[in-house]
PDB file of N, CA and C in Angstrom:
ATOM      1  N   UNK A   1       2.064  -8.426 -16.050  1.00  0.00           N
ATOM      2  CA  UNK A   1       0.784  -8.715 -16.532  1.00  0.00           C
ATOM      3  C   UNK A   1      -0.299  -8.179 -15.850  1.00  0.00           C
ATOM      4  N   UNK A   2      -0.676  -7.516 -15.903  1.00  0.00           N
ATOM      5  CA  UNK A   2      -2.027  -6.995 -15.053  1.00  0.00           C
ATOM      6  C   UNK A   2      -3.015  -8.119 -14.274  1.00  0.00           C
ATOM      7  N   UNK A   3      -3.352  -8.201 -13.145  1.00  0.00           N
ATOM      8  CA  UNK A   3      -3.794  -9.428 -12.574  1.00  0.00           C
ATOM      9  C   UNK A   3      -4.805  -8.986 -11.295  1.00  0.00           C
ATOM     10  N   UNK A   4      -5.803  -9.560 -11.241  1.00  0.00           N
ATOM     11  CA  UNK A   4      -6.428  -9.371  -9.566  1.00  0.00           C
ATOM     12  C   UNK A   4      -5.758  -9.906  -8.827  1.00  0.00           C
ATOM     13  N   UNK A   5      -5.105  -8.841  -7.458  1.00  0.00           N
ATOM     14  CA  UNK A   5      -4.630  -9.536  -6.654  1.00  0.00           C
ATOM     15  C   UNK A   5      -5.176  -9.603  -5.452  1.00  0.00           C
ATOM     16  N   UNK A   6      -5.280 -11.400  -4.530  1.00  0.00           N
ATOM     17  CA  UNK A   6      -6.387 -11.605  -3.633  1.00  0.00           C
ATOM     18  C   UNK A   6      -5.226 -11.690  -2.259  1.00  0.00           C
ATOM     19  N   UNK A   7      -4.528 -11.038  -2.133  1.00  0.00           N
ATOM     20  CA  UNK A   7      -3.613 -10.966  -1.130  1.00  0.00           C
ATOM     21  C   UNK A   7      -2.155 -11.197  -1.406  1.00  0.00           C
ATOM     22  N   UNK A   8      -1.421 -11.478  -2.779  1.00  0.00           N
ATOM     23  CA  UNK A   8      -0.115 -11.429  -2.759  1.00  0.00           C
ATOM     24  C   UNK A   8       0.425  -9.931  -2.713  1.00  0.00           C
ATOM     25  N   UNK A   9       1.241 -10.127  -2.352  1.00  0.00           N
ATOM     26  CA  UNK A   9       2.141  -8.033  -2.004  1.00  0.00           C
ATOM     27  C   UNK A   9       1.753  -7.807  -0.704  1.00  0.00           C
ATOM     28  N   UNK A  10       0.421  -8.434  -0.246  1.00  0.00           N
ATOM     29  CA  UNK A  10      -0.358  -8.128   0.545  1.00  0.00           C
ATOM     30  C   UNK A  10      -1.518  -7.153   0.373  1.00  0.00           C
ATOM     31  N   UNK A  11      -1.929  -7.136  -1.169  1.00  0.00           N
ATOM     32  CA  UNK A  11      -2.869  -6.305  -1.441  1.00  0.00           C
ATOM     33  C   UNK A  11      -4.045  -7.504  -2.225  1.00  0.00           C
ATOM     34  N   UNK A  12      -5.199  -6.551  -1.984  1.00  0.00           N
ATOM     35  CA  UNK A  12      -6.468  -7.398  -1.850  1.00  0.00           C
ATOM     36  C   UNK A  12      -7.478  -6.371  -2.636  1.00  0.00           C
ATOM     37  N   UNK A  13      -8.351  -6.876  -3.687  1.00  0.00           N
ATOM     38  CA  UNK A  13      -9.226  -6.206  -4.265  1.00  0.00           C
ATOM     39  C   UNK A  13      -8.669  -4.801  -5.106  1.00  0.00           C
ATOM     40  N   UNK A  14      -7.750  -5.699  -6.420  1.00  0.00           N
ATOM     41  CA  UNK A  14      -7.242  -4.073  -7.328  1.00  0.00           C
ATOM     42  C   UNK A  14      -6.324  -4.941  -8.109  1.00  0.00           C
ATOM     43  N   UNK A  15      -6.424  -4.468  -9.410  1.00  0.00           N
ATOM     44  CA  UNK A  15      -5.483  -5.242 -10.786  1.00  0.00           C
ATOM     45  C   UNK A  15      -4.459  -4.330 -10.313  1.00  0.00           C
ATOM     46  N   UNK A  16      -3.199  -5.011 -10.590  1.00  0.00           N
ATOM     47  CA  UNK A  16      -1.733  -4.329 -11.171  1.00  0.00           C
ATOM     48  C   UNK A  16      -1.257  -5.281 -11.993  1.00  0.00           C
ATOM     49  N   UNK A  17       0.038  -4.858 -12.097  1.00  0.00           N
ATOM     50  CA  UNK A  17       0.967  -5.161 -13.387  1.00  0.00           C
ATOM     51  C   UNK A  17       1.902  -5.441 -12.387  1.00  0.00           C
ATOM     52  N   UNK A  18       1.966  -7.247 -12.243  1.00  0.00           N
ATOM     53  CA  UNK A  18       3.419  -7.639 -11.415  1.00  0.00           C
ATOM     54  C   UNK A  18       3.683  -9.083 -12.627  1.00  0.00           C
ATOM     55  N   UNK A  19       5.046  -9.357 -11.566  1.00  0.00           N
ATOM     56  CA  UNK A  19       5.023 -10.935 -12.840  1.00  0.00           C
ATOM     57  C   UNK A  19       4.236 -11.874 -12.486  1.00  0.00           C
ATOM     58  N   UNK A  20       3.835 -12.531 -13.505  1.00  0.00           N
ATOM     59  CA  UNK A  20       3.553 -13.697 -13.182  1.00  0.00           C
ATOM     60  C   UNK A  20       4.190 -14.766 -14.441  1.00  0.00           C
ATOM     61  N   UNK A  21       3.592 -16.316 -14.036  1.00  0.00           N
ATOM     62  CA  UNK A  21       4.145 -17.395 -14.980  1.00  0.00           C
ATOM     63  C   UNK A  21       2.709 -17.733 -15.773  1.00  0.00           C
ATOM     64  N   UNK A  22       2.878 -17.381 -17.596  1.00  0.00           N
ATOM     65  CA  UNK A  22       1.527 -17.626 -18.437  1.00  0.00           C
ATOM     66  C   UNK A  22       2.218 -18.850 -18.782  1.00  0.00           C
ATOM     67  N   UNK A  23       0.641 -19.748 -19.198  1.00  0.00           N
ATOM     68  CA  UNK A  23       0.886 -21.007 -19.706  1.00  0.00           C
ATOM     69  C   UNK A  23      -0.451 -21.167 -20.958  1.00  0.00           C
ATOM     70  N   UNK A  24      -0.703 -21.614 -21.547  1.00  0.00           N
ATOM     71  CA  UNK A  24      -1.845 -21.882 -22.803  1.00  0.00           C
ATOM     72  C   UNK A  24      -2.800 -21.545 -22.486  1.00  0.00           C
ATOM     73  N   UNK A  25      -3.435 -21.554 -21.318  1.00  0.00           N
ATOM     74  CA  UNK A  25      -4.391 -21.361 -20.712  1.00  0.00           C
ATOM     75  C   UNK A  25      -4.488 -19.896 -19.849  1.00  0.00           C
ATOM     76  N   UNK A  26      -3.457 -19.661 -20.067  1.00  0.00           N
ATOM     77  CA  UNK A  26      -3.369 -17.838 -19.694  1.00  0.00           C
ATOM     78  C   UNK A  26      -2.523 -17.641 -18.227  1.00  0.00           C
ATOM     79  N   UNK A  27      -2.928 -17.633 -16.746  1.00  0.00           N
ATOM     80  CA  UNK A  27      -2.102 -16.766 -16.008  1.00  0.00           C
ATOM     81  C   UNK A  27      -2.008 -18.351 -15.494  1.00  0.00           C
ATOM     82  N   UNK A  28      -0.718 -18.812 -14.982  1.00  0.00           N
ATOM     83  CA  UNK A  28      -0.944 -19.889 -13.876  1.00  0.00           C
ATOM     84  C   UNK A  28      -0.271 -19.696 -12.672  1.00  0.00           C
ATOM     85  N   UNK A  29       0.416 -18.576 -12.295  1.00  0.00           N
ATOM     86  CA  UNK A  29       1.394 -18.462 -11.461  1.00  0.00           C
ATOM     87  C   UNK A  29       1.509 -17.101 -10.833  1.00  0.00           C
ATOM     88  N   UNK A  30       0.923 -16.275 -10.173  1.00  0.00           N
ATOM     89  CA  UNK A  30       1.621 -14.770  -9.702  1.00  0.00           C
ATOM     90  C   UNK A  30       2.624 -14.673  -8.900  1.00  0.00           C
ATOM     91  N   UNK A  31       4.061 -14.801  -9.673  1.00  0.00           N
ATOM     92  CA  UNK A  31       5.431 -14.584  -8.977  1.00  0.00           C
ATOM     93  C   UNK A  31       5.438 -13.325  -8.144  1.00  0.00           C
ATOM     94  N   UNK A  32       5.679 -13.496  -6.201  1.00  0.00           N
ATOM     95  CA  UNK A  32       5.815 -12.538  -5.607  1.00  0.00           C
ATOM     96  C   UNK A  32       7.430 -12.360  -5.632  1.00  0.00           C
ATOM     97  N   UNK A  33       8.224 -10.653  -6.090  1.00  0.00           N
ATOM     98  CA  UNK A  33       8.937 -11.511  -5.834  1.00  0.00           C
ATOM     99  C   UNK A  33       9.747 -10.727  -4.188  1.00  0.00           C
ATOM    100  N   UNK A  34      10.747 -10.611  -3.742  1.00  0.00           N
ATOM    101  CA  UNK A  34      11.078  -9.846  -2.443  1.00  0.00           C
ATOM    102  C   UNK A  34      11.547  -8.383  -2.563  1.00  0.00           C
ATOM    103  N   UNK A  35      10.585  -7.690  -2.247  1.00  0.00           N
ATOM    104  CA  UNK A  35      10.844  -6.225  -2.249  1.00  0.00           C
ATOM    105  C   UNK A  35      11.501  -5.737  -1.335  1.00  0.00           C
ATOM    106  N   UNK A  36      11.929  -4.423  -1.556  1.00  0.00           N
ATOM    107  CA  UNK A  36      12.890  -4.070  -0.355  1.00  0.00           C
ATOM    108  C   UNK A  36      11.749  -2.869   0.104  1.00  0.00           C
ATOM    109  N   UNK A  37      11.840  -2.418   1.023  1.00  0.00           N
ATOM    110  CA  UNK A  37      10.870  -0.976   1.655  1.00  0.00           C
ATOM    111  C   UNK A  37      10.607  -0.091   0.436  1.00  0.00           C
ATOM    112  N   UNK A  38      11.542   0.654  -0.020  1.00  0.00           N
ATOM    113  CA  UNK A  38      11.162   1.742  -1.026  1.00  0.00           C
ATOM    114  C   UNK A  38      10.431   0.809  -1.976  1.00  0.00           C
ATOM    115  N   UNK A  39      10.440  -0.398  -2.212  1.00  0.00           N
ATOM    116  CA  UNK A  39       9.617  -0.714  -3.880  1.00  0.00           C
ATOM    117  C   UNK A  39       8.269  -1.169  -3.173  1.00  0.00           C
ATOM    118  N   UNK A  40       8.059  -1.561  -1.958  1.00  0.00           N
ATOM    119  CA  UNK A  40       6.828  -1.908  -1.205  1.00  0.00           C
ATOM    120  C   UNK A  40       6.409  -0.676  -1.758  1.00  0.00           C
ATOM    121  N   UNK A  41       6.638   0.518  -0.767  1.00  0.00           N
ATOM    122  CA  UNK A  41       5.905   1.595  -0.498  1.00  0.00           C
ATOM    123  C   UNK A  41       5.607   2.330  -1.767  1.00  0.00           C
ATOM    124  N   UNK A  42       6.377   1.863  -2.778  1.00  0.00           N
ATOM    125  CA  UNK A  42       5.902   2.177  -4.234  1.00  0.00           C
ATOM    126  C   UNK A  42       4.723   1.440  -5.369  1.00  0.00           C
ATOM    127  N   UNK A  43       4.681   0.333  -4.615  1.00  0.00           N
ATOM    128  CA  UNK A  43       3.515  -0.482  -5.093  1.00  0.00           C
ATOM    129  C   UNK A  43       2.242  -0.511  -4.609  1.00  0.00           C
ATOM    130  N   UNK A  44       2.530   0.025  -3.141  1.00  0.00           N
ATOM    131  CA  UNK A  44       0.951   0.183  -2.443  1.00  0.00           C
ATOM    132  C   UNK A  44       0.911   1.332  -2.665  1.00  0.00           C
ATOM    133  N   UNK A  45       1.552   2.524  -3.084  1.00  0.00           N
ATOM    134  CA  UNK A  45       1.196   3.567  -3.788  1.00  0.00           C
ATOM    135  C   UNK A  45       0.681   3.724  -5.017  1.00  0.00           C
ATOM    136  N   UNK A  46       0.735   2.806  -6.271  1.00  0.00           N
ATOM    137  CA  UNK A  46       0.158   2.596  -7.033  1.00  0.00           C
ATOM    138  C   UNK A  46      -0.823   1.778  -6.959  1.00  0.00           C
ATOM    139  N   UNK A  47      -0.994   1.174  -5.792  1.00  0.00           N
ATOM    140  CA  UNK A  47      -2.334   0.463  -5.547  1.00  0.00           C
ATOM    141  C   UNK A  47      -3.411   1.844  -5.184  1.00  0.00           C
ATOM    142  N   UNK A  48      -2.939   2.391  -3.936  1.00  0.00           N
ATOM    143  CA  UNK A  48      -3.672   3.629  -3.399  1.00  0.00           C
ATOM    144  C   UNK A  48      -4.318   4.231  -4.876  1.00  0.00           C
ATOM    145  N   UNK A  49      -3.302   4.614  -5.861  1.00  0.00           N
ATOM    146  CA  UNK A  49      -3.870   5.174  -6.941  1.00  0.00           C
ATOM    147  C   UNK A  49      -4.819   4.808  -8.124  1.00  0.00           C
ATOM    148  N   UNK A  50      -4.858   3.359  -8.148  1.00  0.00           N
ATOM    149  CA  UNK A  50      -5.820   2.602  -9.305  1.00  0.00           C
ATOM    150  C   UNK A  50      -6.909   2.479  -8.379  1.00  0.00           C
ATOM    151  N   UNK A  51      -6.989   2.227  -6.823  1.00  0.00           N
ATOM    152  CA  UNK A  51      -8.594   2.385  -5.965  1.00  0.00           C
ATOM    153  C   UNK A  51      -9.037   3.469  -6.304  1.00  0.00           C
ATOM    154  N   UNK A  52      -7.852   4.325  -6.079  1.00  0.00           N
ATOM    155  CA  UNK A  52      -8.479   6.128  -6.176  1.00  0.00           C
ATOM    156  C   UNK A  52      -9.718   6.228  -7.926  1.00  0.00           C
ATOM    157  N   UNK A  53      -8.648   6.169  -8.562  1.00  0.00           N
ATOM    158  CA  UNK A  53      -9.059   6.486 -10.067  1.00  0.00           C
ATOM    159  C   UNK A  53     -10.755   5.157  -9.923  1.00  0.00           C
ATOM    160  N   UNK A  54     -10.564   3.981  -9.853  1.00  0.00           N
ATOM    161  CA  UNK A  54     -11.785   3.295  -9.759  1.00  0.00           C
ATOM    162  C   UNK A  54     -13.185   3.649  -8.629  1.00  0.00           C
ATOM    163  N   UNK A  55     -12.386   4.805  -7.629  1.00  0.00           N
ATOM    164  CA  UNK A  55     -13.733   4.920  -7.341  1.00  0.00           C
ATOM    165  C   UNK A  55     -14.307   6.257  -7.677  1.00  0.00           C
ATOM    166  N   UNK A  56     -13.307   7.297  -8.498  1.00  0.00           N
ATOM    167  CA  UNK A  56     -14.084   8.294  -8.988  1.00  0.00           C
ATOM    168  C   UNK A  56     -14.595   7.682 -10.316  1.00  0.00           C
ATOM    169  N   UNK A  57     -14.485   6.765 -10.688  1.00  0.00           N
ATOM    170  CA  UNK A  57     -15.282   6.030 -12.033  1.00  0.00           C
ATOM    171  C   UNK A  57     -16.472   5.462 -11.358  1.00  0.00           C
ATOM    172  N   UNK A  58     -16.491   4.803 -10.651  1.00  0.00           N
ATOM    173  CA  UNK A  58     -17.306   4.137 -10.163  1.00  0.00           C
ATOM    174  C   UNK A  58     -18.994   5.378  -9.732  1.00  0.00           C
ATOM    175  N   UNK A  59     -18.175   6.322  -9.065  1.00  0.00           N
ATOM    176  CA  UNK A  59     -19.067   7.495  -8.910  1.00  0.00           C
ATOM    177  C   UNK A  59     -19.785   8.539  -9.828  1.00  0.00           C
ATOM    178  N   UNK A  60     -18.898   8.351 -11.187  1.00  0.00           N
ATOM    179  CA  UNK A  60     -19.664   8.902 -12.405  1.00  0.00           C
ATOM    180  C   UNK A  60     -20.426   8.302 -13.327  1.00  0.00           C
ATOM    181  N   UNK A  61     -20.093   6.552 -13.325  1.00  0.00           N
ATOM    182  CA  UNK A  61     -21.295   6.183 -13.613  1.00  0.00           C
ATOM    183  C   UNK A  61     -22.514   5.851 -12.748  1.00  0.00           C
ATOM    184  N   UNK A  62     -22.360   5.910 -11.547  1.00  0.00           N
ATOM    185  CA  UNK A  62     -23.825   6.222 -11.088  1.00  0.00           C
ATOM    186  C   UNK A  62     -24.630   7.459 -10.933  1.00  0.00           C
ATOM    187  N   UNK A  63     -23.712   8.359 -11.320  1.00  0.00           N
ATOM    188  CA  UNK A  63     -24.441   9.824 -11.783  1.00  0.00           C
ATOM    189  C   UNK A  63     -25.150   9.844 -13.543  1.00  0.00           C
ATOM    190  N   UNK A  64     -24.659   8.531 -14.043  1.00  0.00           N
ATOM    191  CA  UNK A  64     -25.077   9.138 -15.480  1.00  0.00           C
ATOM    192  C   UNK A  64     -26.052   8.758 -15.484  1.00  0.00           C
TER     193      UNK A  64
END
């Protein structure tokens, strides 16, 4: 599920798809898996890519 991370996996202020526990009222818990170094590297690269796209979109909306 794509969720707002606030320190989980060492990441903040970014929406990423991570495992969660869903309940009748939505997300109940973000599940933090034990990632190896390569998996962490890939997750952080994904986070950086999302932040870069959001930065470009923010700049586009300011100039529009």
